[in-house]
Amino acid sequence: MAELLGHAQSDPTLAAMWRERWLQPRRDATAVVLGRGIERGQIRRDVTLGVLMDELYGPLYYRLLARHEPLDDAFARELVANTLRGSDPTSCSKSLIGIESGCSRIKKTACLRRDTPFL
């Protein structure tokens, strides 16, 4: 996969084929799953699905290409947990960038303190 992605950087036809046949079907399937999470109230309604998918997939491809750390089940579980924690409707992570979320004033204040974990 790393070699294929490397070649796709200089071959627009290969890049388009990879996006159409590999990337887009996976993004479409992921959007369905994440959409269910939004419907069930497990993911904030204001989350941009494309960004959330990039947050999930980006680190996978980074490890695949850089090969600096293992790409294993433990990494995948922690990545999903960390990413979805930020999209949790009870999270106040969006208040850190100045976007109002549904969390309480107390929780937002705690999130902004450096010595307090965000979640």
C-alpha atoms as a PDB file:
ATOM      1  CA  MET A   1       0.000   0.000   0.000  1.00  0.00           C
ATOM      2  CA  ALA A   2       2.806   2.438   0.862  1.00  0.00           C
ATOM      3  CA  GLU A   3       4.433   1.886  -2.531  1.00  0.00           C
ATOM      4  CA  LEU A   4       1.100   2.297  -4.314  1.00  0.00           C
ATOM      5  CA  LEU A   5       0.442   5.591  -2.528  1.00  0.00           C
ATOM      6  CA  GLY A   6       3.972   6.720  -3.348  1.00  0.00           C
ATOM      7  CA  HIS A   7       3.429   6.071  -7.057  1.00  0.00           C
ATOM      8  CA  ALA A   8       0.028   7.748  -6.942  1.00  0.00           C
ATOM      9  CA  GLN A   9       1.723  11.025  -5.965  1.00  0.00           C
ATOM     10  CA  SER A  10       3.184  11.340  -9.470  1.00  0.00           C
ATOM     11  CA  ASP A  11       0.536   9.424 -11.437  1.00  0.00           C
ATOM     12  CA  PRO A  12      -2.804  11.276 -11.528  1.00  0.00           C
ATOM     13  CA  THR A  13      -4.577   8.324 -13.161  1.00  0.00           C
ATOM     14  CA  LEU A  14      -3.426   5.939 -10.439  1.00  0.00           C
ATOM     15  CA  ALA A  15      -4.322   8.493  -7.757  1.00  0.00           C
ATOM     16  CA  ALA A  16      -7.842   8.900  -9.157  1.00  0.00           C
ATOM     17  CA  MET A  17      -8.280   5.122  -9.389  1.00  0.00           C
ATOM     18  CA  TRP A  18      -7.060   4.643  -5.811  1.00  0.00           C
ATOM     19  CA  ARG A  19      -9.459   7.308  -4.509  1.00  0.00           C
ATOM     20  CA  GLU A  20     -12.381   5.889  -6.491  1.00  0.00           C
ATOM     21  CA  ARG A  21     -11.850   2.178  -5.818  1.00  0.00           C
ATOM     22  CA  TRP A  22     -10.172   2.104  -2.405  1.00  0.00           C
ATOM     23  CA  LEU A  23     -10.628   5.329  -0.487  1.00  0.00           C
ATOM     24  CA  GLN A  24     -14.155   6.448  -1.361  1.00  0.00           C
ATOM     25  CA  PRO A  25     -15.887   3.091  -0.669  1.00  0.00           C
ATOM     26  CA  ARG A  26     -14.315   3.032   2.789  1.00  0.00           C
ATOM     27  CA  ARG A  27     -15.269   6.644   3.480  1.00  0.00           C
ATOM     28  CA  ASP A  28     -18.834   5.945   2.336  1.00  0.00           C
ATOM     29  CA  ALA A  29     -19.110   2.939   4.681  1.00  0.00           C
ATOM     30  CA  THR A  30     -17.564   4.889   7.548  1.00  0.00           C
ATOM     31  CA  ALA A  31     -19.981   7.779   6.983  1.00  0.00           C
ATOM     32  CA  VAL A  32     -22.896   5.360   7.406  1.00  0.00           C
ATOM     33  CA  VAL A  33     -21.510   4.052  10.712  1.00  0.00           C
ATOM     34  CA  LEU A  34     -20.725   7.534  12.025  1.00  0.00           C
ATOM     35  CA  GLY A  35     -24.140   8.749  10.862  1.00  0.00           C
ATOM     36  CA  ARG A  36     -25.720   6.063  13.034  1.00  0.00           C
ATOM     37  CA  GLY A  37     -23.657   7.351  15.946  1.00  0.00           C
ATOM     38  CA  ILE A  38     -25.037  10.838  15.361  1.00  0.00           C
ATOM     39  CA  GLU A  39     -28.618   9.513  15.172  1.00  0.00           C
ATOM     40  CA  ARG A  40     -28.132   7.640  18.453  1.00  0.00           C
ATOM     41  CA  GLY A  41     -26.681  10.685  20.200  1.00  0.00           C
ATOM     42  CA  GLN A  42     -23.227   9.092  20.527  1.00  0.00           C
ATOM     43  CA  ILE A  43     -21.575  11.700  18.302  1.00  0.00           C
ATOM     44  CA  ARG A  44     -22.217  15.443  18.333  1.00  0.00           C
ATOM     45  CA  ARG A  45     -24.567  16.625  15.595  1.00  0.00           C
ATOM     46  CA  ASP A  46     -22.258  19.499  14.671  1.00  0.00           C
ATOM     47  CA  VAL A  47     -19.337  17.203  13.797  1.00  0.00           C
ATOM     48  CA  THR A  48     -18.169  17.422  10.189  1.00  0.00           C
ATOM     49  CA  LEU A  49     -18.038  13.784   9.089  1.00  0.00           C
ATOM     50  CA  GLY A  50     -15.266  14.376   6.561  1.00  0.00           C
ATOM     51  CA  VAL A  51     -13.021  15.865   9.236  1.00  0.00           C
ATOM     52  CA  LEU A  52     -13.870  13.104  11.708  1.00  0.00           C
ATOM     53  CA  MET A  53     -13.007  10.470   9.092  1.00  0.00           C
ATOM     54  CA  ASP A  54      -9.704  12.226   8.365  1.00  0.00           C
ATOM     55  CA  GLU A  55      -8.967  12.201  12.102  1.00  0.00           C
ATOM     56  CA  LEU A  56      -9.526   8.447  12.130  1.00  0.00           C
ATOM     57  CA  TYR A  57      -7.819   7.504   8.871  1.00  0.00           C
ATOM     58  CA  GLY A  58      -4.969  10.043   8.794  1.00  0.00           C
ATOM     59  CA  PRO A  59      -2.938   8.459  11.606  1.00  0.00           C
ATOM     60  CA  LEU A  60      -3.394   5.014  10.040  1.00  0.00           C
ATOM     61  CA  TYR A  61      -1.940   6.103   6.734  1.00  0.00           C
ATOM     62  CA  TYR A  62       0.793   8.046   8.524  1.00  0.00           C
ATOM     63  CA  ARG A  63       1.928   4.927  10.350  1.00  0.00           C
ATOM     64  CA  LEU A  64       1.587   2.902   7.192  1.00  0.00           C
ATOM     65  CA  LEU A  65       3.832   5.286   5.274  1.00  0.00           C
ATOM     66  CA  ALA A  66       6.317   6.366   7.959  1.00  0.00           C
ATOM     67  CA  ARG A  67       6.600   2.931   9.599  1.00  0.00           C
ATOM     68  CA  HIS A  68       7.863   4.581  12.781  1.00  0.00           C
ATOM     69  CA  GLU A  69       5.479   2.730  15.116  1.00  0.00           C
ATOM     70  CA  PRO A  70       3.437  -0.451  14.773  1.00  0.00           C
ATOM     71  CA  LEU A  71       0.083  -0.371  13.064  1.00  0.00           C
ATOM     72  CA  ASP A  72      -1.634  -2.856  15.357  1.00  0.00           C
ATOM     73  CA  ASP A  73      -4.930  -3.508  17.126  1.00  0.00           C
ATOM     74  CA  ALA A  74      -3.871  -1.646  20.282  1.00  0.00           C
ATOM     75  CA  PHE A  75      -3.118   1.481  18.236  1.00  0.00           C
ATOM     76  CA  ALA A  76      -6.406   1.205  16.331  1.00  0.00           C
ATOM     77  CA  ARG A  77      -8.434   0.850  19.556  1.00  0.00           C
ATOM     78  CA  GLU A  78      -6.725   3.826  21.205  1.00  0.00           C
ATOM     79  CA  LEU A  79      -7.036   5.947  18.063  1.00  0.00           C
ATOM     80  CA  VAL A  80     -10.771   5.301  17.777  1.00  0.00           C
ATOM     81  CA  ALA A  81     -11.326   5.902  21.491  1.00  0.00           C
ATOM     82  CA  ASN A  82      -9.381   9.176  21.454  1.00  0.00           C
ATOM     83  CA  THR A  83     -11.013  10.460  18.284  1.00  0.00           C
ATOM     84  CA  LEU A  84     -14.553   9.577  19.299  1.00  0.00           C
ATOM     85  CA  ARG A  85     -14.038  11.016  22.775  1.00  0.00           C
ATOM     86  CA  GLY A  86     -13.609  14.413  21.108  1.00  0.00           C
ATOM     87  CA  SER A  87     -16.828  13.951  19.134  1.00  0.00           C
ATOM     88  CA  ASP A  88     -18.824  12.860  22.175  1.00  0.00           C
ATOM     89  CA  PRO A  89     -21.825  15.153  22.684  1.00  0.00           C
ATOM     90  CA  THR A  90     -20.941  15.486  26.380  1.00  0.00           C
ATOM     91  CA  SER A  91     -17.390  16.598  25.561  1.00  0.00           C
ATOM     92  CA  CYS A  92     -16.364  20.214  25.882  1.00  0.00           C
ATOM     93  CA  SER A  93     -13.431  19.962  23.483  1.00  0.00           C
ATOM     94  CA  LYS A  94     -15.020  22.359  20.970  1.00  0.00           C
ATOM     95  CA  SER A  95     -15.076  25.084  23.603  1.00  0.00           C
ATOM     96  CA  LEU A  96     -11.280  25.062  23.418  1.00  0.00           C
ATOM     97  CA  ILE A  97     -11.407  26.560  19.928  1.00  0.00           C
ATOM     98  CA  GLY A  98     -14.117  29.071  20.716  1.00  0.00           C
ATOM     99  CA  ILE A  99     -17.139  27.141  19.448  1.00  0.00           C
ATOM    100  CA  GLU A 100     -19.997  26.854  21.896  1.00  0.00           C
ATOM    101  CA  SER A 101     -20.975  23.307  22.773  1.00  0.00           C
ATOM    102  CA  GLY A 102     -23.553  21.808  25.063  1.00  0.00           C
ATOM    103  CA  CYS A 103     -21.318  21.328  28.077  1.00  0.00           C
ATOM    104  CA  SER A 104     -21.777  23.189  31.309  1.00  0.00           C
ATOM    105  CA  ARG A 105     -19.893  26.347  32.283  1.00  0.00           C
ATOM    106  CA  ILE A 106     -18.133  24.415  35.065  1.00  0.00           C
ATOM    107  CA  LYS A 107     -16.959  21.676  32.742  1.00  0.00           C
ATOM    108  CA  LYS A 108     -15.800  24.228  30.131  1.00  0.00           C
ATOM    109  CA  THR A 109     -13.807  26.071  32.788  1.00  0.00           C
ATOM    110  CA  ALA A 110     -12.210  22.819  33.918  1.00  0.00           C
ATOM    111  CA  CYS A 111     -11.320  21.964  30.322  1.00  0.00           C
ATOM    112  CA  LEU A 112      -9.531  25.257  29.838  1.00  0.00           C
ATOM    113  CA  ARG A 113      -7.271  24.770  32.860  1.00  0.00           C
ATOM    114  CA  ARG A 114      -3.924  23.291  31.831  1.00  0.00           C
ATOM    115  CA  ASP A 115      -3.711  20.974  34.844  1.00  0.00           C
ATOM    116  CA  THR A 116      -7.097  19.342  34.160  1.00  0.00           C
ATOM    117  CA  PRO A 117      -7.597  16.586  31.566  1.00  0.00           C
ATOM    118  CA  PHE A 118      -9.822  17.648  28.702  1.00  0.00           C
ATOM    119  CA  LEU A 119     -12.202  14.743  29.117  1.00  0.00           C
END
